[in-house]
Amino acid sequence: MSQLREKSLVTLKEDTTSSFPFAKDLPMIFLGEIANMAGHGIFIGKSGKCYFGYHISHFRELSEDEV
């Protein structure tokens, strides 16, 4: 089950060391978890591009102060 709220602004967790193709497209909107792929999400970057299939455990919601 997802720990992120749907339609929330998210960014990568600080301890995530992998490089992602969307690194310059943050923050992103988390649309939700993929129904048949538990633990994987659908995201929309600030450019409007859609990214899907990434592990939601790599992301955290932005705080009110960061928004």
PDB file of N, CA and C in Angstrom:
ATOM      1  N   MET A   1       0.829  -1.184   0.000  1.00  0.00           N
ATOM      2  CA  MET A   1       0.000   0.000   0.000  1.00  0.00           C
ATOM      3  C   MET A   1       0.876   1.250   0.000  1.00  0.00           C
ATOM      4  N   SER A   2       0.416   2.274  -0.642  1.00  0.00           N
ATOM      5  CA  SER A   2       1.162   3.517  -0.804  1.00  0.00           C
ATOM      6  C   SER A   2       1.237   4.305   0.499  1.00  0.00           C
ATOM      7  N   GLN A   3       2.406   4.883   0.782  1.00  0.00           N
ATOM      8  CA  GLN A   3       2.554   5.777   1.918  1.00  0.00           C
ATOM      9  C   GLN A   3       2.393   7.230   1.482  1.00  0.00           C
ATOM     10  N   LEU A   4       2.387   7.472   0.194  1.00  0.00           N
ATOM     11  CA  LEU A   4       2.203   8.819  -0.343  1.00  0.00           C
ATOM     12  C   LEU A   4       0.719   9.069  -0.586  1.00  0.00           C
ATOM     13  N   ARG A   5       0.301  10.305  -0.363  1.00  0.00           N
ATOM     14  CA  ARG A   5      -1.090  10.657  -0.656  1.00  0.00           C
ATOM     15  C   ARG A   5      -1.214  10.966  -2.144  1.00  0.00           C
ATOM     16  N   GLU A   6      -2.303  10.519  -2.738  1.00  0.00           N
ATOM     17  CA  GLU A   6      -2.544  10.812  -4.152  1.00  0.00           C
ATOM     18  C   GLU A   6      -2.632  12.317  -4.359  1.00  0.00           C
ATOM     19  N   LYS A   7      -2.130  12.767  -5.479  1.00  0.00           N
ATOM     20  CA  LYS A   7      -2.135  14.176  -5.900  1.00  0.00           C
ATOM     21  C   LYS A   7      -1.296  15.062  -5.000  1.00  0.00           C
ATOM     22  N   SER A   8      -0.304  14.484  -4.342  1.00  0.00           N
ATOM     23  CA  SER A   8       0.604  15.290  -3.513  1.00  0.00           C
ATOM     24  C   SER A   8       1.880  15.584  -4.290  1.00  0.00           C
ATOM     25  N   LEU A   9       2.555  16.667  -3.910  1.00  0.00           N
ATOM     26  CA  LEU A   9       3.847  16.996  -4.503  1.00  0.00           C
ATOM     27  C   LEU A   9       4.913  16.163  -3.817  1.00  0.00           C
ATOM     28  N   VAL A  10       5.768  15.526  -4.621  1.00  0.00           N
ATOM     29  CA  VAL A  10       6.805  14.652  -4.078  1.00  0.00           C
ATOM     30  C   VAL A  10       8.159  14.983  -4.688  1.00  0.00           C
ATOM     31  N   THR A  11       9.192  14.542  -3.998  1.00  0.00           N
ATOM     32  CA  THR A  11      10.558  14.630  -4.492  1.00  0.00           C
ATOM     33  C   THR A  11      11.287  13.372  -4.036  1.00  0.00           C
ATOM     34  N   LEU A  12      12.503  13.193  -4.504  1.00  0.00           N
ATOM     35  CA  LEU A  12      13.279  12.019  -4.103  1.00  0.00           C
ATOM     36  C   LEU A  12      13.726  12.146  -2.652  1.00  0.00           C
ATOM     37  N   LYS A  13      13.798  11.022  -1.967  1.00  0.00           N
ATOM     38  CA  LYS A  13      14.333  11.015  -0.604  1.00  0.00           C
ATOM     39  C   LYS A  13      15.818  11.331  -0.676  1.00  0.00           C
ATOM     40  N   GLU A  14      16.345  11.947   0.379  1.00  0.00           N
ATOM     41  CA  GLU A  14      17.754  12.350   0.411  1.00  0.00           C
ATOM     42  C   GLU A  14      18.702  11.171   0.308  1.00  0.00           C
ATOM     43  N   ASP A  15      18.309  10.016   0.842  1.00  0.00           N
ATOM     44  CA  ASP A  15      19.201   8.853   0.845  1.00  0.00           C
ATOM     45  C   ASP A  15      19.130   8.027  -0.436  1.00  0.00           C
ATOM     46  N   THR A  16      18.369   8.501  -1.420  1.00  0.00           N
ATOM     47  CA  THR A  16      18.281   7.801  -2.705  1.00  0.00           C
ATOM     48  C   THR A  16      19.514   8.148  -3.532  1.00  0.00           C
ATOM     49  N   THR A  17      20.302   7.131  -3.894  1.00  0.00           N
ATOM     50  CA  THR A  17      21.558   7.375  -4.595  1.00  0.00           C
ATOM     51  C   THR A  17      21.489   7.080  -6.087  1.00  0.00           C
ATOM     52  N   SER A  18      20.431   6.435  -6.530  1.00  0.00           N
ATOM     53  CA  SER A  18      20.306   6.117  -7.950  1.00  0.00           C
ATOM     54  C   SER A  18      20.070   7.379  -8.756  1.00  0.00           C
ATOM     55  N   SER A  19      20.514   7.376  -9.998  1.00  0.00           N
ATOM     56  CA  SER A  19      20.216   8.504 -10.877  1.00  0.00           C
ATOM     57  C   SER A  19      18.962   8.144 -11.676  1.00  0.00           C
ATOM     58  N   PHE A  20      18.066   9.089 -11.790  1.00  0.00           N
ATOM     59  CA  PHE A  20      16.804   8.870 -12.483  1.00  0.00           C
ATOM     60  C   PHE A  20      16.695   9.833 -13.648  1.00  0.00           C
ATOM     61  N   PRO A  21      15.993   9.445 -14.724  1.00  0.00           N
ATOM     62  CA  PRO A  21      15.861  10.332 -15.894  1.00  0.00           C
ATOM     63  C   PRO A  21      15.051  11.586 -15.596  1.00  0.00           C
ATOM     64  N   PHE A  22      14.339  11.615 -14.485  1.00  0.00           N
ATOM     65  CA  PHE A  22      13.498  12.755 -14.141  1.00  0.00           C
ATOM     66  C   PHE A  22      14.133  13.648 -13.074  1.00  0.00           C
ATOM     67  N   ALA A  23      15.405  13.490 -12.803  1.00  0.00           N
ATOM     68  CA  ALA A  23      16.072  14.227 -11.721  1.00  0.00           C
ATOM     69  C   ALA A  23      15.918  15.741 -11.864  1.00  0.00           C
ATOM     70  N   LYS A  24      15.839  16.251 -13.083  1.00  0.00           N
ATOM     71  CA  LYS A  24      15.696  17.693 -13.295  1.00  0.00           C
ATOM     72  C   LYS A  24      14.233  18.100 -13.494  1.00  0.00           C
ATOM     73  N   ASP A  25      13.316  17.159 -13.280  1.00  0.00           N
ATOM     74  CA  ASP A  25      11.887  17.401 -13.487  1.00  0.00           C
ATOM     75  C   ASP A  25      11.118  17.364 -12.158  1.00  0.00           C
ATOM     76  N   LEU A  26      11.831  17.652 -11.070  1.00  0.00           N
ATOM     77  CA  LEU A  26      11.239  17.616  -9.732  1.00  0.00           C
ATOM     78  C   LEU A  26      10.837  19.012  -9.292  1.00  0.00           C
ATOM     79  N   PRO A  27       9.878  19.187  -8.430  1.00  0.00           N
ATOM     80  CA  PRO A  27       9.057  18.147  -7.822  1.00  0.00           C
ATOM     81  C   PRO A  27       8.038  17.605  -8.815  1.00  0.00           C
ATOM     82  N   MET A  28       7.414  16.497  -8.436  1.00  0.00           N
ATOM     83  CA  MET A  28       6.415  15.864  -9.282  1.00  0.00           C
ATOM     84  C   MET A  28       5.124  15.682  -8.499  1.00  0.00           C
ATOM     85  N   ILE A  29       4.050  15.475  -9.239  1.00  0.00           N
ATOM     86  CA  ILE A  29       2.770  15.158  -8.624  1.00  0.00           C
ATOM     87  C   ILE A  29       2.621  13.640  -8.639  1.00  0.00           C
ATOM     88  N   PHE A  30       2.328  13.071  -7.480  1.00  0.00           N
ATOM     89  CA  PHE A  30       2.093  11.638  -7.382  1.00  0.00           C
ATOM     90  C   PHE A  30       0.616  11.393  -7.662  1.00  0.00           C
ATOM     91  N   LEU A  31       0.323  10.663  -8.740  1.00  0.00           N
ATOM     92  CA  LEU A  31      -1.069  10.401  -9.109  1.00  0.00           C
ATOM     93  C   LEU A  31      -1.643   9.180  -8.405  1.00  0.00           C
ATOM     94  N   GLY A  32      -0.795   8.249  -8.025  1.00  0.00           N
ATOM     95  CA  GLY A  32      -1.280   7.055  -7.345  1.00  0.00           C
ATOM     96  C   GLY A  32      -0.431   5.847  -7.663  1.00  0.00           C
ATOM     97  N   GLU A  33      -0.773   4.761  -6.990  1.00  0.00           N
ATOM     98  CA  GLU A  33      -0.058   3.502  -7.166  1.00  0.00           C
ATOM     99  C   GLU A  33      -0.662   2.734  -8.335  1.00  0.00           C
ATOM    100  N   ILE A  34       0.171   2.053  -9.088  1.00  0.00           N
ATOM    101  CA  ILE A  34      -0.298   1.241 -10.209  1.00  0.00           C
ATOM    102  C   ILE A  34      -1.004   0.013  -9.631  1.00  0.00           C
ATOM    103  N   ALA A  35      -2.234  -0.216 -10.055  1.00  0.00           N
ATOM    104  CA  ALA A  35      -3.086  -1.249  -9.466  1.00  0.00           C
ATOM    105  C   ALA A  35      -2.464  -2.646  -9.502  1.00  0.00           C
ATOM    106  N   ASN A  36      -1.885  -3.027 -10.611  1.00  0.00           N
ATOM    107  CA  ASN A  36      -1.342  -4.380 -10.720  1.00  0.00           C
ATOM    108  C   ASN A  36       0.174  -4.437 -10.506  1.00  0.00           C
ATOM    109  N   MET A  37       0.739  -3.358  -9.967  1.00  0.00           N
ATOM    110  CA  MET A  37       2.176  -3.311  -9.655  1.00  0.00           C
ATOM    111  C   MET A  37       2.354  -2.650  -8.290  1.00  0.00           C
ATOM    112  N   ALA A  38       2.049  -3.371  -7.249  1.00  0.00           N
ATOM    113  CA  ALA A  38       2.120  -2.812  -5.891  1.00  0.00           C
ATOM    114  C   ALA A  38       3.498  -2.220  -5.626  1.00  0.00           C
ATOM    115  N   GLY A  39       3.509  -1.030  -5.016  1.00  0.00           N
ATOM    116  CA  GLY A  39       4.764  -0.366  -4.685  1.00  0.00           C
ATOM    117  C   GLY A  39       5.340   0.482  -5.792  1.00  0.00           C
ATOM    118  N   HIS A  40       4.657   0.576  -6.932  1.00  0.00           N
ATOM    119  CA  HIS A  40       5.107   1.375  -8.069  1.00  0.00           C
ATOM    120  C   HIS A  40       4.070   2.459  -8.348  1.00  0.00           C
ATOM    121  N   GLY A  41       4.529   3.635  -8.756  1.00  0.00           N
ATOM    122  CA  GLY A  41       3.606   4.746  -8.921  1.00  0.00           C
ATOM    123  C   GLY A  41       3.620   5.404 -10.278  1.00  0.00           C
ATOM    124  N   ILE A  42       2.679   6.337 -10.414  1.00  0.00           N
ATOM    125  CA  ILE A  42       2.550   7.177 -11.605  1.00  0.00           C
ATOM    126  C   ILE A  42       2.776   8.611 -11.144  1.00  0.00           C
ATOM    127  N   PHE A  43       3.655   9.322 -11.857  1.00  0.00           N
ATOM    128  CA  PHE A  43       4.061  10.666 -11.468  1.00  0.00           C
ATOM    129  C   PHE A  43       4.019  11.590 -12.678  1.00  0.00           C
ATOM    130  N   ILE A  44       3.724  12.862 -12.442  1.00  0.00           N
ATOM    131  CA  ILE A  44       3.782  13.893 -13.484  1.00  0.00           C
ATOM    132  C   ILE A  44       4.840  14.902 -13.059  1.00  0.00           C
ATOM    133  N   GLY A  45       5.855  15.089 -13.903  1.00  0.00           N
ATOM    134  CA  GLY A  45       6.921  16.036 -13.609  1.00  0.00           C
ATOM    135  C   GLY A  45       6.485  17.472 -13.849  1.00  0.00           C
ATOM    136  N   LYS A  46       7.303  18.428 -13.392  1.00  0.00           N
ATOM    137  CA  LYS A  46       6.940  19.842 -13.570  1.00  0.00           C
ATOM    138  C   LYS A  46       6.896  20.232 -15.046  1.00  0.00           C
ATOM    139  N   SER A  47       7.537  19.453 -15.912  1.00  0.00           N
ATOM    140  CA  SER A  47       7.492  19.711 -17.350  1.00  0.00           C
ATOM    141  C   SER A  47       6.192  19.221 -17.980  1.00  0.00           C
ATOM    142  N   GLY A  48       5.429  18.390 -17.230  1.00  0.00           N
ATOM    143  CA  GLY A  48       4.204  17.806 -17.766  1.00  0.00           C
ATOM    144  C   GLY A  48       4.387  16.383 -18.251  1.00  0.00           C
ATOM    145  N   LYS A  49       5.624  15.893 -18.267  1.00  0.00           N
ATOM    146  CA  LYS A  49       5.881  14.515 -18.688  1.00  0.00           C
ATOM    147  C   LYS A  49       5.386  13.538 -17.630  1.00  0.00           C
ATOM    148  N   CYS A  50       4.928  12.385 -18.094  1.00  0.00           N
ATOM    149  CA  CYS A  50       4.435  11.336 -17.208  1.00  0.00           C
ATOM    150  C   CYS A  50       5.525  10.281 -17.020  1.00  0.00           C
ATOM    151  N   TYR A  51       5.749   9.892 -15.772  1.00  0.00           N
ATOM    152  CA  TYR A  51       6.712   8.851 -15.430  1.00  0.00           C
ATOM    153  C   TYR A  51       5.964   7.791 -14.637  1.00  0.00           C
ATOM    154  N   PHE A  52       6.149   6.536 -14.991  1.00  0.00           N
ATOM    155  CA  PHE A  52       5.429   5.494 -14.261  1.00  0.00           C
ATOM    156  C   PHE A  52       6.304   4.264 -14.096  1.00  0.00           C
ATOM    157  N   GLY A  53       5.975   3.496 -13.078  1.00  0.00           N
ATOM    158  CA  GLY A  53       6.695   2.257 -12.810  1.00  0.00           C
ATOM    159  C   GLY A  53       7.849   2.416 -11.843  1.00  0.00           C
ATOM    160  N   TYR A  54       8.009   3.588 -11.244  1.00  0.00           N
ATOM    161  CA  TYR A  54       9.097   3.809 -10.292  1.00  0.00           C
ATOM    162  C   TYR A  54       8.635   3.452  -8.883  1.00  0.00           C
ATOM    163  N   HIS A  55       9.540   2.930  -8.090  1.00  0.00           N
ATOM    164  CA  HIS A  55       9.226   2.533  -6.719  1.00  0.00           C
ATOM    165  C   HIS A  55       8.861   3.760  -5.892  1.00  0.00           C
ATOM    166  N   ILE A  56       7.698   3.714  -5.274  1.00  0.00           N
ATOM    167  CA  ILE A  56       7.257   4.856  -4.477  1.00  0.00           C
ATOM    168  C   ILE A  56       8.088   5.016  -3.211  1.00  0.00           C
ATOM    169  N   SER A  57       8.812   3.984  -2.822  1.00  0.00           N
ATOM    170  CA  SER A  57       9.649   4.068  -1.622  1.00  0.00           C
ATOM    171  C   SER A  57      10.827   5.026  -1.807  1.00  0.00           C
ATOM    172  N   HIS A  58      11.114   5.434  -3.041  1.00  0.00           N
ATOM    173  CA  HIS A  58      12.204   6.373  -3.319  1.00  0.00           C
ATOM    174  C   HIS A  58      11.771   7.836  -3.136  1.00  0.00           C
ATOM    175  N   PHE A  59      10.476   8.057  -2.877  1.00  0.00           N
ATOM    176  CA  PHE A  59       9.930   9.410  -2.842  1.00  0.00           C
ATOM    177  C   PHE A  59       9.404   9.770  -1.463  1.00  0.00           C
ATOM    178  N   ARG A  60       9.325  11.078  -1.223  1.00  0.00           N
ATOM    179  CA  ARG A  60       8.700  11.614  -0.012  1.00  0.00           C
ATOM    180  C   ARG A  60       7.856  12.811  -0.418  1.00  0.00           C
ATOM    181  N   GLU A  61       6.812  13.055   0.365  1.00  0.00           N
ATOM    182  CA  GLU A  61       5.973  14.221   0.109  1.00  0.00           C
ATOM    183  C   GLU A  61       6.708  15.483   0.525  1.00  0.00           C
ATOM    184  N   LEU A  62       6.455  16.564  -0.188  1.00  0.00           N
ATOM    185  CA  LEU A  62       7.009  17.859   0.214  1.00  0.00           C
ATOM    186  C   LEU A  62       6.232  18.381   1.411  1.00  0.00           C
ATOM    187  N   SER A  63       6.922  19.028   2.316  1.00  0.00           N
ATOM    188  CA  SER A  63       6.269  19.634   3.474  1.00  0.00           C
ATOM    189  C   SER A  63       5.616  20.946   3.043  1.00  0.00           C
ATOM    190  N   GLU A  64       4.771  21.499   3.896  1.00  0.00           N
ATOM    191  CA  GLU A  64       4.110  22.776   3.604  1.00  0.00           C
ATOM    192  C   GLU A  64       5.146  23.874   3.366  1.00  0.00           C
ATOM    193  N   ASP A  65       6.246  23.854   4.117  1.00  0.00           N
ATOM    194  CA  ASP A  65       7.287  24.873   3.966  1.00  0.00           C
ATOM    195  C   ASP A  65       8.013  24.770   2.625  1.00  0.00           C
ATOM    196  N   GLU A  66       8.101  23.575   2.068  1.00  0.00           N
ATOM    197  CA  GLU A  66       8.793  23.375   0.792  1.00  0.00           C
ATOM    198  C   GLU A  66       7.926  23.768  -0.395  1.00  0.00           C
ATOM    199  N   VAL A  67       6.621  23.786  -0.192  1.00  0.00           N
ATOM    200  CA  VAL A  67       5.699  24.125  -1.275  1.00  0.00           C
ATOM    201  C   VAL A  67       5.653  25.627  -1.375  1.00  0.00           C
TER     202      VAL A  67
END
